[in-house]
Amino acid sequence: MKKNFILTTQLDFAAAHRLIGYDGDCAKLHGHNWKIEVSVIGHTLNDIGMVIDFKQVKHHAKEVIAELDHSYLNDHPHFQRTNPTAENIAQYLFNELAKRLDQDLFKMHQIRVWENDRNYVTYSEIDS
């Protein structure tokens, strides 16, 4: 049996956006206090019994969301060509974090992006 250790940390940022091609209120400029849950998966522990220090995960996640925090997402280079939906934001954050976190002992597992207390998107690239 393969062991899985899934570590999750939460962060948040504030940003505005508008959805292009959407028929409804979200086509208008509006903002969210986004909450992000970053999950990393590993199968083995290092010599002190950790997959990765939560501080490392949080450090890299803070770097990635810093470029989005207190911004108009539609102006971000990635979202000038991709609609800034919660789904696309989740995929973007996952890919940017995977560049920093994927190593031999652990990899990005999933990311959850909450746009409010009731609605979130989960994105992963695992085999189902």
C-alpha atoms as a PDB file:
ATOM      1  CA  MET A   1       0.000   0.000   0.000  1.00  0.00           C
ATOM      2  CA  LYS A   2       1.345   3.415  -0.996  1.00  0.00           C
ATOM      3  CA  LYS A   3       1.387   6.002   1.778  1.00  0.00           C
ATOM      4  CA  ASN A   4       0.223   9.517   0.974  1.00  0.00           C
ATOM      5  CA  PHE A   5       0.893  12.550   3.111  1.00  0.00           C
ATOM      6  CA  ILE A   6      -1.135  15.570   1.990  1.00  0.00           C
ATOM      7  CA  LEU A   7      -0.174  18.891   3.559  1.00  0.00           C
ATOM      8  CA  THR A   8      -2.483  21.874   3.174  1.00  0.00           C
ATOM      9  CA  THR A   9      -1.984  25.522   4.056  1.00  0.00           C
ATOM     10  CA  GLN A  10      -4.259  28.516   3.556  1.00  0.00           C
ATOM     11  CA  LEU A  11      -3.570  32.031   2.345  1.00  0.00           C
ATOM     12  CA  ASP A  12      -5.669  34.880   1.070  1.00  0.00           C
ATOM     13  CA  PHE A  13      -5.516  37.906  -1.176  1.00  0.00           C
ATOM     14  CA  ALA A  14      -7.841  40.635  -2.383  1.00  0.00           C
ATOM     15  CA  ALA A  15      -8.329  41.361  -6.067  1.00  0.00           C
ATOM     16  CA  ALA A  16     -10.874  42.688  -8.540  1.00  0.00           C
ATOM     17  CA  HIS A  17     -11.858  41.239 -11.887  1.00  0.00           C
ATOM     18  CA  ARG A  18     -14.617  41.093 -14.419  1.00  0.00           C
ATOM     19  CA  LEU A  19     -15.654  38.109 -16.501  1.00  0.00           C
ATOM     20  CA  ILE A  20     -15.471  38.570 -20.240  1.00  0.00           C
ATOM     21  CA  GLY A  21     -18.403  37.146 -22.198  1.00  0.00           C
ATOM     22  CA  TYR A  22     -20.431  36.458 -19.059  1.00  0.00           C
ATOM     23  CA  ASP A  23     -24.131  37.352 -19.136  1.00  0.00           C
ATOM     24  CA  GLY A  24     -24.725  38.642 -15.632  1.00  0.00           C
ATOM     25  CA  ASP A  25     -23.468  40.829 -12.820  1.00  0.00           C
ATOM     26  CA  CYS A  26     -19.979  39.285 -12.849  1.00  0.00           C
ATOM     27  CA  ALA A  27     -19.361  40.946 -16.211  1.00  0.00           C
ATOM     28  CA  LYS A  28     -19.114  44.171 -14.209  1.00  0.00           C
ATOM     29  CA  LEU A  29     -16.015  45.146 -12.264  1.00  0.00           C
ATOM     30  CA  HIS A  30     -16.181  43.574  -8.793  1.00  0.00           C
ATOM     31  CA  GLY A  31     -13.805  42.231  -6.179  1.00  0.00           C
ATOM     32  CA  HIS A  32     -13.321  39.293  -3.855  1.00  0.00           C
ATOM     33  CA  ASN A  33     -11.350  38.436  -0.779  1.00  0.00           C
ATOM     34  CA  TRP A  34      -9.998  35.214  -2.252  1.00  0.00           C
ATOM     35  CA  LYS A  35      -8.970  32.349   0.017  1.00  0.00           C
ATOM     36  CA  ILE A  36      -6.451  29.830  -1.298  1.00  0.00           C
ATOM     37  CA  GLU A  37      -5.801  26.312  -0.003  1.00  0.00           C
ATOM     38  CA  VAL A  38      -2.554  24.839  -1.328  1.00  0.00           C
ATOM     39  CA  SER A  39      -2.065  21.073  -0.944  1.00  0.00           C
ATOM     40  CA  VAL A  40       1.216  19.249  -1.499  1.00  0.00           C
ATOM     41  CA  ILE A  41       1.519  15.451  -1.625  1.00  0.00           C
ATOM     42  CA  GLY A  42       4.462  13.264  -0.685  1.00  0.00           C
ATOM     43  CA  HIS A  43       4.959   9.575  -0.068  1.00  0.00           C
ATOM     44  CA  THR A  44       8.036   9.583   2.132  1.00  0.00           C
ATOM     45  CA  LEU A  45       9.222  11.608   5.074  1.00  0.00           C
ATOM     46  CA  ASN A  46      12.607  13.258   5.389  1.00  0.00           C
ATOM     47  CA  ASP A  47      15.024  12.396   8.188  1.00  0.00           C
ATOM     48  CA  ILE A  48      13.143  14.583  10.692  1.00  0.00           C
ATOM     49  CA  GLY A  49       9.713  13.164   9.799  1.00  0.00           C
ATOM     50  CA  MET A  50       8.363  15.795   7.399  1.00  0.00           C
ATOM     51  CA  VAL A  51       7.335  15.800   3.757  1.00  0.00           C
ATOM     52  CA  ILE A  52       8.099  19.540   3.567  1.00  0.00           C
ATOM     53  CA  ASP A  53       7.971  22.332   6.102  1.00  0.00           C
ATOM     54  CA  PHE A  54       4.658  24.211   5.938  1.00  0.00           C
ATOM     55  CA  LYS A  55       6.715  27.423   6.006  1.00  0.00           C
ATOM     56  CA  GLN A  56       8.289  26.519   2.656  1.00  0.00           C
ATOM     57  CA  VAL A  57       4.915  25.884   1.037  1.00  0.00           C
ATOM     58  CA  LYS A  58       3.518  29.129   2.421  1.00  0.00           C
ATOM     59  CA  HIS A  59       6.629  31.098   1.346  1.00  0.00           C
ATOM     60  CA  HIS A  60       6.283  29.994  -2.283  1.00  0.00           C
ATOM     61  CA  ALA A  61       2.524  30.514  -2.272  1.00  0.00           C
ATOM     62  CA  LYS A  62       2.942  34.042  -0.894  1.00  0.00           C
ATOM     63  CA  GLU A  63       5.365  34.846  -3.723  1.00  0.00           C
ATOM     64  CA  VAL A  64       2.870  33.690  -6.340  1.00  0.00           C
ATOM     65  CA  ILE A  65      -0.166  35.466  -4.910  1.00  0.00           C
ATOM     66  CA  ALA A  66       1.793  38.672  -4.231  1.00  0.00           C
ATOM     67  CA  GLU A  67       1.567  39.533  -7.929  1.00  0.00           C
ATOM     68  CA  LEU A  68      -2.239  39.195  -7.776  1.00  0.00           C
ATOM     69  CA  ASP A  69      -2.912  40.801  -4.397  1.00  0.00           C
ATOM     70  CA  HIS A  70      -4.707  44.163  -4.533  1.00  0.00           C
ATOM     71  CA  SER A  71      -4.754  44.124  -8.313  1.00  0.00           C
ATOM     72  CA  TYR A  72      -7.183  44.133 -11.204  1.00  0.00           C
ATOM     73  CA  LEU A  73      -6.736  40.561 -12.435  1.00  0.00           C
ATOM     74  CA  ASN A  74      -7.748  41.375 -16.011  1.00  0.00           C
ATOM     75  CA  ASP A  75      -4.582  43.519 -16.266  1.00  0.00           C
ATOM     76  CA  HIS A  76      -2.282  40.639 -15.279  1.00  0.00           C
ATOM     77  CA  PRO A  77      -0.384  39.321 -18.347  1.00  0.00           C
ATOM     78  CA  HIS A  78      -1.817  35.802 -17.979  1.00  0.00           C
ATOM     79  CA  PHE A  79      -5.398  37.006 -17.628  1.00  0.00           C
ATOM     80  CA  GLN A  80      -5.167  39.390 -20.545  1.00  0.00           C
ATOM     81  CA  ARG A  81      -5.455  36.246 -22.697  1.00  0.00           C
ATOM     82  CA  THR A  82      -7.398  34.027 -20.244  1.00  0.00           C
ATOM     83  CA  ASN A  83     -10.704  34.948 -18.615  1.00  0.00           C
ATOM     84  CA  PRO A  84     -10.076  35.402 -14.848  1.00  0.00           C
ATOM     85  CA  THR A  85     -12.704  32.903 -13.701  1.00  0.00           C
ATOM     86  CA  ALA A  86     -12.175  31.074 -10.414  1.00  0.00           C
ATOM     87  CA  GLU A  87     -11.361  27.964 -12.478  1.00  0.00           C
ATOM     88  CA  ASN A  88      -8.669  29.726 -14.506  1.00  0.00           C
ATOM     89  CA  ILE A  89      -7.242  31.411 -11.404  1.00  0.00           C
ATOM     90  CA  ALA A  90      -6.993  28.007  -9.707  1.00  0.00           C
ATOM     91  CA  GLN A  91      -5.215  26.454 -12.705  1.00  0.00           C
ATOM     92  CA  TYR A  92      -2.825  29.409 -12.987  1.00  0.00           C
ATOM     93  CA  LEU A  93      -1.912  29.288  -9.280  1.00  0.00           C
ATOM     94  CA  PHE A  94      -1.477  25.506  -9.386  1.00  0.00           C
ATOM     95  CA  ASN A  95       0.890  25.699 -12.358  1.00  0.00           C
ATOM     96  CA  GLU A  96       2.922  28.561 -10.898  1.00  0.00           C
ATOM     97  CA  LEU A  97       3.274  26.739  -7.579  1.00  0.00           C
ATOM     98  CA  ALA A  98       4.146  23.460  -9.289  1.00  0.00           C
ATOM     99  CA  LYS A  99       7.128  25.219 -10.916  1.00  0.00           C
ATOM    100  CA  ARG A 100       8.410  26.085  -7.444  1.00  0.00           C
ATOM    101  CA  LEU A 101       7.306  23.077  -5.390  1.00  0.00           C
ATOM    102  CA  ASP A 102       7.424  19.951  -7.555  1.00  0.00           C
ATOM    103  CA  GLN A 103      10.433  17.876  -6.499  1.00  0.00           C
ATOM    104  CA  ASP A 104      11.291  14.209  -6.187  1.00  0.00           C
ATOM    105  CA  LEU A 105       9.857  13.842  -2.671  1.00  0.00           C
ATOM    106  CA  PHE A 106       6.695  15.976  -3.018  1.00  0.00           C
ATOM    107  CA  LYS A 107       4.512  17.594  -5.648  1.00  0.00           C
ATOM    108  CA  MET A 108       1.529  19.876  -5.904  1.00  0.00           C
ATOM    109  CA  HIS A 109      -1.583  17.845  -5.139  1.00  0.00           C
ATOM    110  CA  GLN A 110      -4.395  20.336  -5.527  1.00  0.00           C
ATOM    111  CA  ILE A 111      -5.396  23.911  -5.031  1.00  0.00           C
ATOM    112  CA  ARG A 112      -8.707  25.234  -3.827  1.00  0.00           C
ATOM    113  CA  VAL A 113      -9.709  28.816  -4.640  1.00  0.00           C
ATOM    114  CA  TRP A 114     -12.585  30.320  -2.662  1.00  0.00           C
ATOM    115  CA  GLU A 115     -14.169  33.465  -4.065  1.00  0.00           C
ATOM    116  CA  ASN A 116     -16.468  33.760  -1.040  1.00  0.00           C
ATOM    117  CA  ASP A 117     -17.530  31.722   1.987  1.00  0.00           C
ATOM    118  CA  ARG A 118     -19.817  29.500  -0.081  1.00  0.00           C
ATOM    119  CA  ASN A 119     -18.172  29.012  -3.486  1.00  0.00           C
ATOM    120  CA  TYR A 120     -14.854  27.460  -4.413  1.00  0.00           C
ATOM    121  CA  VAL A 121     -13.060  25.611  -7.199  1.00  0.00           C
ATOM    122  CA  THR A 122     -10.690  22.704  -6.673  1.00  0.00           C
ATOM    123  CA  TYR A 123      -8.039  22.070  -9.332  1.00  0.00           C
ATOM    124  CA  SER A 124      -5.629  19.139  -9.488  1.00  0.00           C
ATOM    125  CA  GLU A 125      -3.686  17.176 -12.057  1.00  0.00           C
ATOM    126  CA  ILE A 126      -3.943  13.721 -10.523  1.00  0.00           C
ATOM    127  CA  ASP A 127      -5.221  10.582 -12.184  1.00  0.00           C
ATOM    128  CA  SER A 128      -8.782   9.894 -11.130  1.00  0.00           C
END
